[in-house]
Amino acid sequence: MKQWIWMGGEELSSEQWKRSFETIKEHGIDAVLLNGNEKIFEKAIPIANNMELEIHTWLITLLGDNELAKKHPEWFAVNGLGETAAEIPQYVDYYKWLCPNNPEVQEYLIDKVNSLSKIPGNSGVHLDYIRFCDVILPIGIQPNYKLVQIKEESRYDYCYCNHCVKKFKSQYNIDPREITDPSYNKKWLQFRYDSITNLVNILGEKVRENKKQITAAVFPIQMQRYVRQQWNRWDLDAVFPMMYHSCYNESIDWIAAETKKGINLLGNTALYSGLYIPSIKPGELETAVTYAVTGGAAGVSYFCFKAINNEHWNN
């Protein structure tokens, strides 16, 4: 069983990186999904490599930031009300989603993964936020936003930008903006699935040109429709479904059932069950891992390094 951990990109001293990686290594973790910038990677990766710890650079893929929104507002996704995510993000301020069908966005991301996969000592690129905005949030999260979502609504439904409209019309001779109820249109749903699948495979091809692995963090099967992730069709080395049982008001044994569903859909792609540490008591961590392996996972990934305390490590 292979164990991974997601790790946020803080700027640490060499000694701090060394201590963090020592802790990770001592507890049987094999690989780190590391978020950060070039400066962080240049310092952290050689230290990890010296400890025979695998590093994969963790990329926040289809979320833009404020700087990008100012520079390229035309790159951002548009919802069913005609609002751009650059100006009116949904749920939280940072939900500034880029459009996966925009050729300039694709080139921007190709350049990013090309640079990341060429970093010496980096074993691969890990795609996160490689999806559309949640048209419906997980049931356990909705109360945090004072929402009760029982159907898809236009304000959360993406993308209706000119690129998407033109591409869909060329395939089906239908303007998606004129569909009476988009949530029931199978062609429009599949188009969004395919939009993400196409982008993943384009990025994966570039990463593999540099002889590195390509992986992705994804939502569990029951959420595929609502984030437009048909990840069982993606050409990846591994998927990391976020089996965050508390987000779905489920008990911890749900991890086994949901892992099994993912395994049944996949071919040769490895599946590592993502475990949400804040919702797992220290005494339950071994149980959560056991459920993931029982479901057929090749291993697990822990979210995240900061959330694991001494009690977790010691159990």
C-alpha atoms as a PDB file:
ATOM      1  CA  MET A   1       0.000   0.000   0.000  1.00  0.00           C
ATOM      2  CA  LYS A   2       1.340   3.389  -1.002  1.00  0.00           C
ATOM      3  CA  GLN A   3       0.708   6.393   1.241  1.00  0.00           C
ATOM      4  CA  TRP A   4       0.614  10.009   0.058  1.00  0.00           C
ATOM      5  CA  ILE A   5       0.044  13.357   1.732  1.00  0.00           C
ATOM      6  CA  TRP A   6      -1.116  16.746   0.459  1.00  0.00           C
ATOM      7  CA  MET A   7       1.142  19.533   1.700  1.00  0.00           C
ATOM      8  CA  GLY A   8       0.550  23.287   1.349  1.00  0.00           C
ATOM      9  CA  GLY A   9       3.220  25.548  -0.037  1.00  0.00           C
ATOM     10  CA  GLU A  10       4.651  27.554   2.812  1.00  0.00           C
ATOM     11  CA  GLU A  11       8.050  29.170   2.459  1.00  0.00           C
ATOM     12  CA  LEU A  12      10.083  27.264   5.040  1.00  0.00           C
ATOM     13  CA  SER A  13      13.748  27.211   5.882  1.00  0.00           C
ATOM     14  CA  SER A  14      15.827  24.241   4.758  1.00  0.00           C
ATOM     15  CA  GLU A  15      15.863  22.959   8.334  1.00  0.00           C
ATOM     16  CA  GLN A  16      12.056  23.235   8.588  1.00  0.00           C
ATOM     17  CA  TRP A  17      11.616  21.319   5.335  1.00  0.00           C
ATOM     18  CA  LYS A  18      14.005  18.680   6.604  1.00  0.00           C
ATOM     19  CA  ARG A  19      12.093  18.228   9.868  1.00  0.00           C
ATOM     20  CA  SER A  20       8.729  18.101   8.088  1.00  0.00           C
ATOM     21  CA  PHE A  21       9.927  15.514   5.600  1.00  0.00           C
ATOM     22  CA  GLU A  22      11.553  13.481   8.367  1.00  0.00           C
ATOM     23  CA  THR A  23       8.210  13.320  10.180  1.00  0.00           C
ATOM     24  CA  ILE A  24       6.455  12.266   6.980  1.00  0.00           C
ATOM     25  CA  LYS A  25       9.058   9.612   6.191  1.00  0.00           C
ATOM     26  CA  GLU A  26       9.133   8.245   9.752  1.00  0.00           C
ATOM     27  CA  HIS A  27       5.407   7.519   9.571  1.00  0.00           C
ATOM     28  CA  GLY A  28       5.561   5.450   6.422  1.00  0.00           C
ATOM     29  CA  ILE A  29       4.429   8.018   3.878  1.00  0.00           C
ATOM     30  CA  ASP A  30       5.976   7.488   0.468  1.00  0.00           C
ATOM     31  CA  ALA A  31       5.039  10.568  -1.547  1.00  0.00           C
ATOM     32  CA  VAL A  32       4.127  14.235  -1.109  1.00  0.00           C
ATOM     33  CA  LEU A  33       1.725  16.239  -3.265  1.00  0.00           C
ATOM     34  CA  LEU A  34       3.354  19.624  -2.796  1.00  0.00           C
ATOM     35  CA  ASN A  35       1.713  22.962  -3.562  1.00  0.00           C
ATOM     36  CA  GLY A  36       3.853  26.052  -3.965  1.00  0.00           C
ATOM     37  CA  ASN A  37       5.886  28.276  -6.246  1.00  0.00           C
ATOM     38  CA  GLU A  38       9.194  27.875  -8.023  1.00  0.00           C
ATOM     39  CA  LYS A  39      11.175  29.130  -5.029  1.00  0.00           C
ATOM     40  CA  ILE A  40       9.524  26.585  -2.724  1.00  0.00           C
ATOM     41  CA  PHE A  41      10.064  23.708  -5.146  1.00  0.00           C
ATOM     42  CA  GLU A  42      13.739  24.561  -5.683  1.00  0.00           C
ATOM     43  CA  LYS A  43      14.357  24.403  -1.935  1.00  0.00           C
ATOM     44  CA  ALA A  44      12.064  21.547  -0.900  1.00  0.00           C
ATOM     45  CA  ILE A  45      12.436  18.970  -3.665  1.00  0.00           C
ATOM     46  CA  PRO A  46      16.184  18.252  -3.277  1.00  0.00           C
ATOM     47  CA  ILE A  47      15.713  17.795   0.474  1.00  0.00           C
ATOM     48  CA  ALA A  48      12.859  15.343  -0.099  1.00  0.00           C
ATOM     49  CA  ASN A  49      14.794  13.481  -2.777  1.00  0.00           C
ATOM     50  CA  ASN A  50      17.747  13.048  -0.423  1.00  0.00           C
ATOM     51  CA  MET A  51      15.370  11.209   1.924  1.00  0.00           C
ATOM     52  CA  GLU A  52      14.045   9.072  -0.939  1.00  0.00           C
ATOM     53  CA  LEU A  53      10.702  10.803  -0.619  1.00  0.00           C
ATOM     54  CA  GLU A  54       8.727  11.189  -3.839  1.00  0.00           C
ATOM     55  CA  ILE A  55       7.465  14.678  -4.726  1.00  0.00           C
ATOM     56  CA  HIS A  56       4.665  15.570  -7.152  1.00  0.00           C
ATOM     57  CA  THR A  57       3.910  19.244  -7.734  1.00  0.00           C
ATOM     58  CA  TRP A  58       0.285  19.999  -6.833  1.00  0.00           C
ATOM     59  CA  LEU A  59      -1.330  22.423  -9.312  1.00  0.00           C
ATOM     60  CA  ILE A  60      -4.518  24.411  -8.665  1.00  0.00           C
ATOM     61  CA  THR A  61      -5.568  24.058 -12.278  1.00  0.00           C
ATOM     62  CA  LEU A  62      -8.794  25.822 -13.305  1.00  0.00           C
ATOM     63  CA  LEU A  63      -8.993  28.461 -10.592  1.00  0.00           C
ATOM     64  CA  GLY A  64      -7.660  31.854 -11.582  1.00  0.00           C
ATOM     65  CA  ASP A  65      -6.605  34.564  -9.160  1.00  0.00           C
ATOM     66  CA  ASN A  66      -7.317  38.288  -8.890  1.00  0.00           C
ATOM     67  CA  GLU A  67      -4.271  39.209 -10.962  1.00  0.00           C
ATOM     68  CA  LEU A  68      -5.323  36.913 -13.790  1.00  0.00           C
ATOM     69  CA  ALA A  69      -8.907  38.184 -13.569  1.00  0.00           C
ATOM     70  CA  LYS A  70      -7.685  41.739 -14.136  1.00  0.00           C
ATOM     71  CA  LYS A  71      -5.298  40.794 -16.920  1.00  0.00           C
ATOM     72  CA  HIS A  72      -7.477  38.276 -18.783  1.00  0.00           C
ATOM     73  CA  PRO A  73     -11.139  38.553 -17.738  1.00  0.00           C
ATOM     74  CA  GLU A  74     -12.093  36.907 -21.051  1.00  0.00           C
ATOM     75  CA  TRP A  75     -10.493  33.652 -19.865  1.00  0.00           C
ATOM     76  CA  PHE A  76     -13.058  33.077 -17.137  1.00  0.00           C
ATOM     77  CA  ALA A  77     -16.140  30.876 -17.159  1.00  0.00           C
ATOM     78  CA  VAL A  78     -19.630  32.350 -17.553  1.00  0.00           C
ATOM     79  CA  ASN A  79     -22.701  31.043 -15.737  1.00  0.00           C
ATOM     80  CA  GLY A  80     -26.244  30.564 -16.967  1.00  0.00           C
ATOM     81  CA  LEU A  81     -27.122  34.126 -16.001  1.00  0.00           C
ATOM     82  CA  GLY A  82     -24.328  35.497 -18.188  1.00  0.00           C
ATOM     83  CA  GLU A  83     -22.144  36.428 -15.188  1.00  0.00           C
ATOM     84  CA  THR A  84     -18.400  35.897 -15.467  1.00  0.00           C
ATOM     85  CA  ALA A  85     -16.630  34.142 -12.603  1.00  0.00           C
ATOM     86  CA  ALA A  86     -13.928  36.816 -12.780  1.00  0.00           C
ATOM     87  CA  GLU A  87     -16.390  39.428 -11.519  1.00  0.00           C
ATOM     88  CA  ILE A  88     -19.085  37.454  -9.687  1.00  0.00           C
ATOM     89  CA  PRO A  89     -17.655  34.264  -8.180  1.00  0.00           C
ATOM     90  CA  GLN A  90     -20.100  31.868  -6.540  1.00  0.00           C
ATOM     91  CA  TYR A  91     -20.001  30.501  -2.977  1.00  0.00           C
ATOM     92  CA  VAL A  92     -16.582  31.978  -2.081  1.00  0.00           C
ATOM     93  CA  ASP A  93     -14.470  34.848  -3.400  1.00  0.00           C
ATOM     94  CA  TYR A  94     -11.730  32.607  -4.784  1.00  0.00           C
ATOM     95  CA  TYR A  95     -14.102  30.597  -7.007  1.00  0.00           C
ATOM     96  CA  LYS A  96     -12.858  32.370 -10.107  1.00  0.00           C
ATOM     97  CA  TRP A  97     -13.136  29.537 -12.605  1.00  0.00           C
ATOM     98  CA  LEU A  98     -11.308  29.497 -15.929  1.00  0.00           C
ATOM     99  CA  CYS A  99     -12.979  28.119 -19.049  1.00  0.00           C
ATOM    100  CA  PRO A 100     -11.487  24.744 -20.119  1.00  0.00           C
ATOM    101  CA  ASN A 101     -12.480  25.331 -23.763  1.00  0.00           C
ATOM    102  CA  ASN A 102     -10.716  28.672 -24.146  1.00  0.00           C
ATOM    103  CA  PRO A 103      -7.629  28.016 -26.328  1.00  0.00           C
ATOM    104  CA  GLU A 104      -5.620  30.674 -24.474  1.00  0.00           C
ATOM    105  CA  VAL A 105      -6.435  29.051 -21.129  1.00  0.00           C
ATOM    106  CA  GLN A 106      -5.330  25.703 -22.526  1.00  0.00           C
ATOM    107  CA  GLU A 107      -2.001  27.156 -23.694  1.00  0.00           C
ATOM    108  CA  TYR A 108      -1.508  28.880 -20.346  1.00  0.00           C
ATOM    109  CA  LEU A 109      -1.999  25.581 -18.510  1.00  0.00           C
ATOM    110  CA  ILE A 110       0.137  23.609 -20.971  1.00  0.00           C
ATOM    111  CA  ASP A 111       2.992  26.022 -20.258  1.00  0.00           C
ATOM    112  CA  LYS A 112       2.434  25.582 -16.520  1.00  0.00           C
ATOM    113  CA  VAL A 113       2.530  21.790 -16.503  1.00  0.00           C
ATOM    114  CA  ASN A 114       5.463  21.796 -18.915  1.00  0.00           C
ATOM    115  CA  SER A 115       7.478  23.967 -16.518  1.00  0.00           C
ATOM    116  CA  LEU A 116       6.468  21.928 -13.469  1.00  0.00           C
ATOM    117  CA  SER A 117       7.271  18.603 -15.071  1.00  0.00           C
ATOM    118  CA  LYS A 118      10.761  19.808 -16.000  1.00  0.00           C
ATOM    119  CA  ILE A 119      11.727  20.636 -12.408  1.00  0.00           C
ATOM    120  CA  PRO A 120      14.661  18.401 -11.429  1.00  0.00           C
ATOM    121  CA  GLY A 121      13.635  15.765  -8.918  1.00  0.00           C
ATOM    122  CA  ASN A 122       9.904  16.255  -9.484  1.00  0.00           C
ATOM    123  CA  SER A 123       8.161  12.924 -10.122  1.00  0.00           C
ATOM    124  CA  GLY A 124       4.939  14.264 -11.570  1.00  0.00           C
ATOM    125  CA  VAL A 125       2.180  16.864 -11.767  1.00  0.00           C
ATOM    126  CA  HIS A 126      -0.959  16.539  -9.658  1.00  0.00           C
ATOM    127  CA  LEU A 127      -4.022  18.357 -11.026  1.00  0.00           C
ATOM    128  CA  ASP A 128      -6.485  19.813  -8.533  1.00  0.00           C
ATOM    129  CA  TYR A 129      -9.596  21.940  -9.203  1.00  0.00           C
ATOM    130  CA  ILE A 130      -9.740  20.334 -12.622  1.00  0.00           C
ATOM    131  CA  ARG A 131     -13.491  20.711 -13.023  1.00  0.00           C
ATOM    132  CA  PHE A 132     -16.372  23.138 -13.287  1.00  0.00           C
ATOM    133  CA  CYS A 133     -17.853  24.990 -10.313  1.00  0.00           C
ATOM    134  CA  ASP A 134     -20.056  22.773  -8.130  1.00  0.00           C
ATOM    135  CA  VAL A 135     -23.522  23.289  -9.587  1.00  0.00           C
ATOM    136  CA  ILE A 136     -24.732  21.608  -6.393  1.00  0.00           C
ATOM    137  CA  LEU A 137     -22.550  21.467  -3.292  1.00  0.00           C
ATOM    138  CA  PRO A 138     -22.067  18.276  -1.244  1.00  0.00           C
ATOM    139  CA  ILE A 139     -25.004  17.900   1.121  1.00  0.00           C
ATOM    140  CA  GLY A 140     -22.902  18.224   4.268  1.00  0.00           C
ATOM    141  CA  ILE A 141     -21.402  21.535   3.131  1.00  0.00           C
ATOM    142  CA  GLN A 142     -24.581  23.318   2.050  1.00  0.00           C
ATOM    143  CA  PRO A 143     -25.492  24.518   5.586  1.00  0.00           C
ATOM    144  CA  ASN A 144     -22.155  26.371   5.756  1.00  0.00           C
ATOM    145  CA  TYR A 145     -23.480  28.627   2.997  1.00  0.00           C
ATOM    146  CA  LYS A 146     -27.068  28.681   4.291  1.00  0.00           C
ATOM    147  CA  LEU A 147     -28.185  26.807   1.192  1.00  0.00           C
ATOM    148  CA  VAL A 148     -30.585  23.989   0.440  1.00  0.00           C
ATOM    149  CA  GLN A 149     -29.855  22.865  -3.107  1.00  0.00           C
ATOM    150  CA  ILE A 150     -32.287  20.387  -4.612  1.00  0.00           C
ATOM    151  CA  LYS A 151     -31.874  21.268  -8.298  1.00  0.00           C
ATOM    152  CA  GLU A 152     -29.335  22.870 -10.602  1.00  0.00           C
ATOM    153  CA  GLU A 153     -29.607  26.656 -10.757  1.00  0.00           C
ATOM    154  CA  SER A 154     -28.355  28.992 -13.467  1.00  0.00           C
ATOM    155  CA  ARG A 155     -26.133  31.064 -11.174  1.00  0.00           C
ATOM    156  CA  TYR A 156     -23.986  28.011 -10.332  1.00  0.00           C
ATOM    157  CA  ASP A 157     -24.124  26.409 -13.794  1.00  0.00           C
ATOM    158  CA  TYR A 158     -21.077  26.924 -16.082  1.00  0.00           C
ATOM    159  CA  CYS A 159     -19.899  27.517 -18.808  1.00  0.00           C
ATOM    160  CA  TYR A 160     -21.839  29.654 -21.270  1.00  0.00           C
ATOM    161  CA  CYS A 161     -18.959  31.750 -22.625  1.00  0.00           C
ATOM    162  CA  ASN A 162     -18.593  32.390 -26.340  1.00  0.00           C
ATOM    163  CA  HIS A 163     -16.066  29.575 -26.758  1.00  0.00           C
ATOM    164  CA  CYS A 164     -18.347  26.975 -25.180  1.00  0.00           C
ATOM    165  CA  VAL A 165     -21.462  28.200 -26.961  1.00  0.00           C
ATOM    166  CA  LYS A 166     -19.732  28.212 -30.348  1.00  0.00           C
ATOM    167  CA  LYS A 167     -18.178  24.770 -29.867  1.00  0.00           C
ATOM    168  CA  PHE A 168     -21.456  23.187 -28.684  1.00  0.00           C
ATOM    169  CA  LYS A 169     -23.420  24.774 -31.527  1.00  0.00           C
ATOM    170  CA  SER A 170     -20.912  23.454 -34.068  1.00  0.00           C
ATOM    171  CA  GLN A 171     -21.421  19.920 -32.744  1.00  0.00           C
ATOM    172  CA  TYR A 172     -25.183  19.869 -32.174  1.00  0.00           C
ATOM    173  CA  ASN A 173     -26.586  22.982 -33.872  1.00  0.00           C
ATOM    174  CA  ILE A 174     -28.052  23.984 -30.493  1.00  0.00           C
ATOM    175  CA  ASP A 175     -27.406  27.155 -28.522  1.00  0.00           C
ATOM    176  CA  PRO A 176     -27.061  25.988 -24.883  1.00  0.00           C
ATOM    177  CA  ARG A 177     -28.369  29.362 -23.710  1.00  0.00           C
ATOM    178  CA  GLU A 178     -31.702  28.499 -25.327  1.00  0.00           C
ATOM    179  CA  ILE A 179     -32.131  25.092 -23.653  1.00  0.00           C
ATOM    180  CA  THR A 180     -35.223  25.264 -21.432  1.00  0.00           C
ATOM    181  CA  ASP A 181     -33.786  23.140 -18.616  1.00  0.00           C
ATOM    182  CA  PRO A 182     -30.044  22.510 -19.118  1.00  0.00           C
ATOM    183  CA  SER A 183     -29.894  20.058 -16.213  1.00  0.00           C
ATOM    184  CA  TYR A 184     -31.924  17.528 -18.240  1.00  0.00           C
ATOM    185  CA  ASN A 185     -30.056  17.919 -21.526  1.00  0.00           C
ATOM    186  CA  LYS A 186     -27.750  14.902 -21.832  1.00  0.00           C
ATOM    187  CA  LYS A 187     -25.781  16.362 -24.740  1.00  0.00           C
ATOM    188  CA  TRP A 188     -25.009  19.553 -22.828  1.00  0.00           C
ATOM    189  CA  LEU A 189     -23.993  17.554 -19.744  1.00  0.00           C
ATOM    190  CA  GLN A 190     -21.736  15.291 -21.788  1.00  0.00           C
ATOM    191  CA  PHE A 191     -20.217  18.318 -23.507  1.00  0.00           C
ATOM    192  CA  ARG A 192     -19.065  19.651 -20.132  1.00  0.00           C
ATOM    193  CA  TYR A 193     -17.736  16.222 -19.132  1.00  0.00           C
ATOM    194  CA  ASP A 194     -15.828  16.067 -22.416  1.00  0.00           C
ATOM    195  CA  SER A 195     -14.505  19.603 -21.988  1.00  0.00           C
ATOM    196  CA  ILE A 196     -12.702  18.615 -18.793  1.00  0.00           C
ATOM    197  CA  THR A 197     -11.646  15.210 -20.119  1.00  0.00           C
ATOM    198  CA  ASN A 198     -10.118  16.840 -23.183  1.00  0.00           C
ATOM    199  CA  LEU A 199      -8.150  19.347 -21.091  1.00  0.00           C
ATOM    200  CA  VAL A 200      -6.884  16.658 -18.697  1.00  0.00           C
ATOM    201  CA  ASN A 201      -5.649  14.540 -21.589  1.00  0.00           C
ATOM    202  CA  ILE A 202      -3.951  17.505 -23.274  1.00  0.00           C
ATOM    203  CA  LEU A 203      -2.118  18.356 -20.047  1.00  0.00           C
ATOM    204  CA  GLY A 204      -1.287  14.733 -19.388  1.00  0.00           C
ATOM    205  CA  GLU A 205       0.275  14.343 -22.817  1.00  0.00           C
ATOM    206  CA  LYS A 206       2.568  17.307 -22.146  1.00  0.00           C
ATOM    207  CA  VAL A 207       3.608  15.956 -18.727  1.00  0.00           C
ATOM    208  CA  ARG A 208       4.373  12.536 -20.182  1.00  0.00           C
ATOM    209  CA  GLU A 209       6.495  14.106 -22.914  1.00  0.00           C
ATOM    210  CA  ASN A 210       8.774  15.063 -20.037  1.00  0.00           C
ATOM    211  CA  LYS A 211       8.628  11.488 -18.721  1.00  0.00           C
ATOM    212  CA  LYS A 212       6.747  12.388 -15.542  1.00  0.00           C
ATOM    213  CA  GLN A 213       3.530  11.049 -14.018  1.00  0.00           C
ATOM    214  CA  ILE A 214       0.176  12.788 -14.268  1.00  0.00           C
ATOM    215  CA  THR A 215      -2.404  12.426 -11.466  1.00  0.00           C
ATOM    216  CA  ALA A 216      -5.482  14.300 -10.277  1.00  0.00           C
ATOM    217  CA  ALA A 217      -7.589  15.014  -7.206  1.00  0.00           C
ATOM    218  CA  VAL A 218     -11.239  14.311  -8.025  1.00  0.00           C
ATOM    219  CA  PHE A 219     -14.659  14.195  -6.399  1.00  0.00           C
ATOM    220  CA  PRO A 220     -16.258  10.846  -5.467  1.00  0.00           C
ATOM    221  CA  ILE A 221     -18.533   9.110  -7.944  1.00  0.00           C
ATOM    222  CA  GLN A 222     -21.766  10.540  -6.522  1.00  0.00           C
ATOM    223  CA  MET A 223     -20.544  14.075  -7.274  1.00  0.00           C
ATOM    224  CA  GLN A 224     -19.262  13.503 -10.830  1.00  0.00           C
ATOM    225  CA  ARG A 225     -22.346  15.039 -12.430  1.00  0.00           C
ATOM    226  CA  TYR A 226     -22.315  18.154 -10.288  1.00  0.00           C
ATOM    227  CA  VAL A 227     -18.696  19.098 -11.035  1.00  0.00           C
ATOM    228  CA  ARG A 228     -18.693  17.642 -14.578  1.00  0.00           C
ATOM    229  CA  GLN A 229     -15.854  15.200 -13.849  1.00  0.00           C
ATOM    230  CA  GLN A 230     -16.080  11.940 -15.780  1.00  0.00           C
ATOM    231  CA  TRP A 231     -12.709  10.995 -14.367  1.00  0.00           C
ATOM    232  CA  ASN A 232     -12.973   7.298 -15.185  1.00  0.00           C
ATOM    233  CA  ARG A 233     -12.337   8.377 -18.816  1.00  0.00           C
ATOM    234  CA  TRP A 234      -9.246  10.447 -18.050  1.00  0.00           C
ATOM    235  CA  ASP A 235      -5.837   9.200 -19.195  1.00  0.00           C
ATOM    236  CA  LEU A 236      -3.972   9.388 -15.890  1.00  0.00           C
ATOM    237  CA  ASP A 237      -1.469   7.388 -13.889  1.00  0.00           C
ATOM    238  CA  ALA A 238      -3.594   7.730 -10.754  1.00  0.00           C
ATOM    239  CA  VAL A 239      -6.729   9.381  -9.402  1.00  0.00           C
ATOM    240  CA  PHE A 240      -7.234  10.604  -5.839  1.00  0.00           C
ATOM    241  CA  PRO A 241     -10.980  10.705  -5.122  1.00  0.00           C
ATOM    242  CA  MET A 242     -11.589  12.898  -2.083  1.00  0.00           C
ATOM    243  CA  MET A 243     -13.449  10.442   0.123  1.00  0.00           C
ATOM    244  CA  TYR A 244     -14.424  13.128   2.597  1.00  0.00           C
ATOM    245  CA  HIS A 245     -17.278  11.275   4.277  1.00  0.00           C
ATOM    246  CA  SER A 246     -18.274  14.185   6.530  1.00  0.00           C
ATOM    247  CA  CYS A 247     -19.042  16.338   3.463  1.00  0.00           C
ATOM    248  CA  TYR A 248     -21.813  13.888   2.588  1.00  0.00           C
ATOM    249  CA  ASN A 249     -23.102  13.289   6.121  1.00  0.00           C
ATOM    250  CA  GLU A 250     -21.827   9.726   5.894  1.00  0.00           C
ATOM    251  CA  SER A 251     -20.186   7.458   8.451  1.00  0.00           C
ATOM    252  CA  ILE A 252     -16.598   6.367   8.012  1.00  0.00           C
ATOM    253  CA  ASP A 253     -17.478   2.994   6.437  1.00  0.00           C
ATOM    254  CA  TRP A 254     -18.787   4.932   3.401  1.00  0.00           C
ATOM    255  CA  ILE A 255     -15.130   5.207   2.325  1.00  0.00           C
ATOM    256  CA  ALA A 256     -15.059   1.492   1.451  1.00  0.00           C
ATOM    257  CA  ALA A 257     -18.261   1.574  -0.608  1.00  0.00           C
ATOM    258  CA  GLU A 258     -17.349   4.725  -2.504  1.00  0.00           C
ATOM    259  CA  THR A 259     -13.816   3.477  -3.174  1.00  0.00           C
ATOM    260  CA  LYS A 260     -15.238   0.258  -4.607  1.00  0.00           C
ATOM    261  CA  LYS A 261     -17.517   2.243  -6.945  1.00  0.00           C
ATOM    262  CA  GLY A 262     -14.492   4.107  -8.299  1.00  0.00           C
ATOM    263  CA  ILE A 263     -12.451   0.932  -8.747  1.00  0.00           C
ATOM    264  CA  ASN A 264     -15.321  -0.656 -10.682  1.00  0.00           C
ATOM    265  CA  LEU A 265     -15.301   2.221 -13.167  1.00  0.00           C
ATOM    266  CA  LEU A 266     -11.558   2.381 -13.733  1.00  0.00           C
ATOM    267  CA  GLY A 267      -9.312   0.299 -15.952  1.00  0.00           C
ATOM    268  CA  ASN A 268      -5.585   0.257 -15.209  1.00  0.00           C
ATOM    269  CA  THR A 269      -5.509   3.640 -13.473  1.00  0.00           C
ATOM    270  CA  ALA A 270      -4.484   3.445  -9.817  1.00  0.00           C
ATOM    271  CA  LEU A 271      -6.897   4.839  -7.232  1.00  0.00           C
ATOM    272  CA  TYR A 272      -5.752   6.335  -3.932  1.00  0.00           C
ATOM    273  CA  SER A 273      -8.533   7.260  -1.520  1.00  0.00           C
ATOM    274  CA  GLY A 274      -8.226  10.802  -0.186  1.00  0.00           C
ATOM    275  CA  LEU A 275      -8.872  10.999   3.567  1.00  0.00           C
ATOM    276  CA  TYR A 276      -9.996  14.234   5.234  1.00  0.00           C
ATOM    277  CA  ILE A 277      -8.049  14.364   8.486  1.00  0.00           C
ATOM    278  CA  PRO A 278     -10.153  17.099  10.218  1.00  0.00           C
ATOM    279  CA  SER A 279     -13.157  14.741  10.196  1.00  0.00           C
ATOM    280  CA  ILE A 280     -11.232  11.668  11.374  1.00  0.00           C
ATOM    281  CA  LYS A 281     -10.471  11.189  15.050  1.00  0.00           C
ATOM    282  CA  PRO A 282      -6.955   9.921  15.802  1.00  0.00           C
ATOM    283  CA  GLY A 283      -8.311   6.548  16.891  1.00  0.00           C
ATOM    284  CA  GLU A 284     -10.287   6.236  13.635  1.00  0.00           C
ATOM    285  CA  LEU A 285      -7.427   6.863  11.197  1.00  0.00           C
ATOM    286  CA  GLU A 286      -6.344   3.238  10.935  1.00  0.00           C
ATOM    287  CA  THR A 287      -9.982   2.268  10.436  1.00  0.00           C
ATOM    288  CA  ALA A 288     -10.356   4.790   7.605  1.00  0.00           C
ATOM    289  CA  VAL A 289      -7.252   3.412   5.893  1.00  0.00           C
ATOM    290  CA  THR A 290      -8.556  -0.134   6.279  1.00  0.00           C
ATOM    291  CA  TYR A 291     -11.873   0.828   4.679  1.00  0.00           C
ATOM    292  CA  ALA A 292     -10.044   2.382   1.707  1.00  0.00           C
ATOM    293  CA  VAL A 293      -7.941  -0.742   1.159  1.00  0.00           C
ATOM    294  CA  THR A 294     -10.990  -2.980   1.623  1.00  0.00           C
ATOM    295  CA  GLY A 295     -12.665  -1.008  -1.151  1.00  0.00           C
ATOM    296  CA  GLY A 296      -9.760  -1.817  -3.465  1.00  0.00           C
ATOM    297  CA  ALA A 297      -7.611   1.329  -3.227  1.00  0.00           C
ATOM    298  CA  ALA A 298      -3.906   1.064  -4.044  1.00  0.00           C
ATOM    299  CA  GLY A 299      -3.343   3.249  -1.000  1.00  0.00           C
ATOM    300  CA  VAL A 300      -4.428   6.513   0.576  1.00  0.00           C
ATOM    301  CA  SER A 301      -3.607  10.209   0.629  1.00  0.00           C
ATOM    302  CA  TYR A 302      -4.012  12.383   3.714  1.00  0.00           C
ATOM    303  CA  PHE A 303      -5.391  15.920   3.623  1.00  0.00           C
ATOM    304  CA  CYS A 304      -3.325  17.462   4.836  1.00  0.00           C
ATOM    305  CA  PHE A 305       0.051  17.667   6.586  1.00  0.00           C
ATOM    306  CA  LYS A 306      -1.005  20.630   8.748  1.00  0.00           C
ATOM    307  CA  ALA A 307      -4.124  18.816   9.961  1.00  0.00           C
ATOM    308  CA  ILE A 308      -2.279  15.778  11.311  1.00  0.00           C
ATOM    309  CA  ASN A 309      -1.421  16.165  14.977  1.00  0.00           C
ATOM    310  CA  ASN A 310       0.727  14.003  17.253  1.00  0.00           C
ATOM    311  CA  GLU A 311      -2.272  11.898  18.230  1.00  0.00           C
ATOM    312  CA  HIS A 312      -2.902  11.032  14.591  1.00  0.00           C
ATOM    313  CA  TRP A 313       0.755  10.212  14.018  1.00  0.00           C
ATOM    314  CA  ASN A 314       0.848   7.990  17.105  1.00  0.00           C
ATOM    315  CA  ASN A 315      -2.237   6.027  16.164  1.00  0.00           C
END
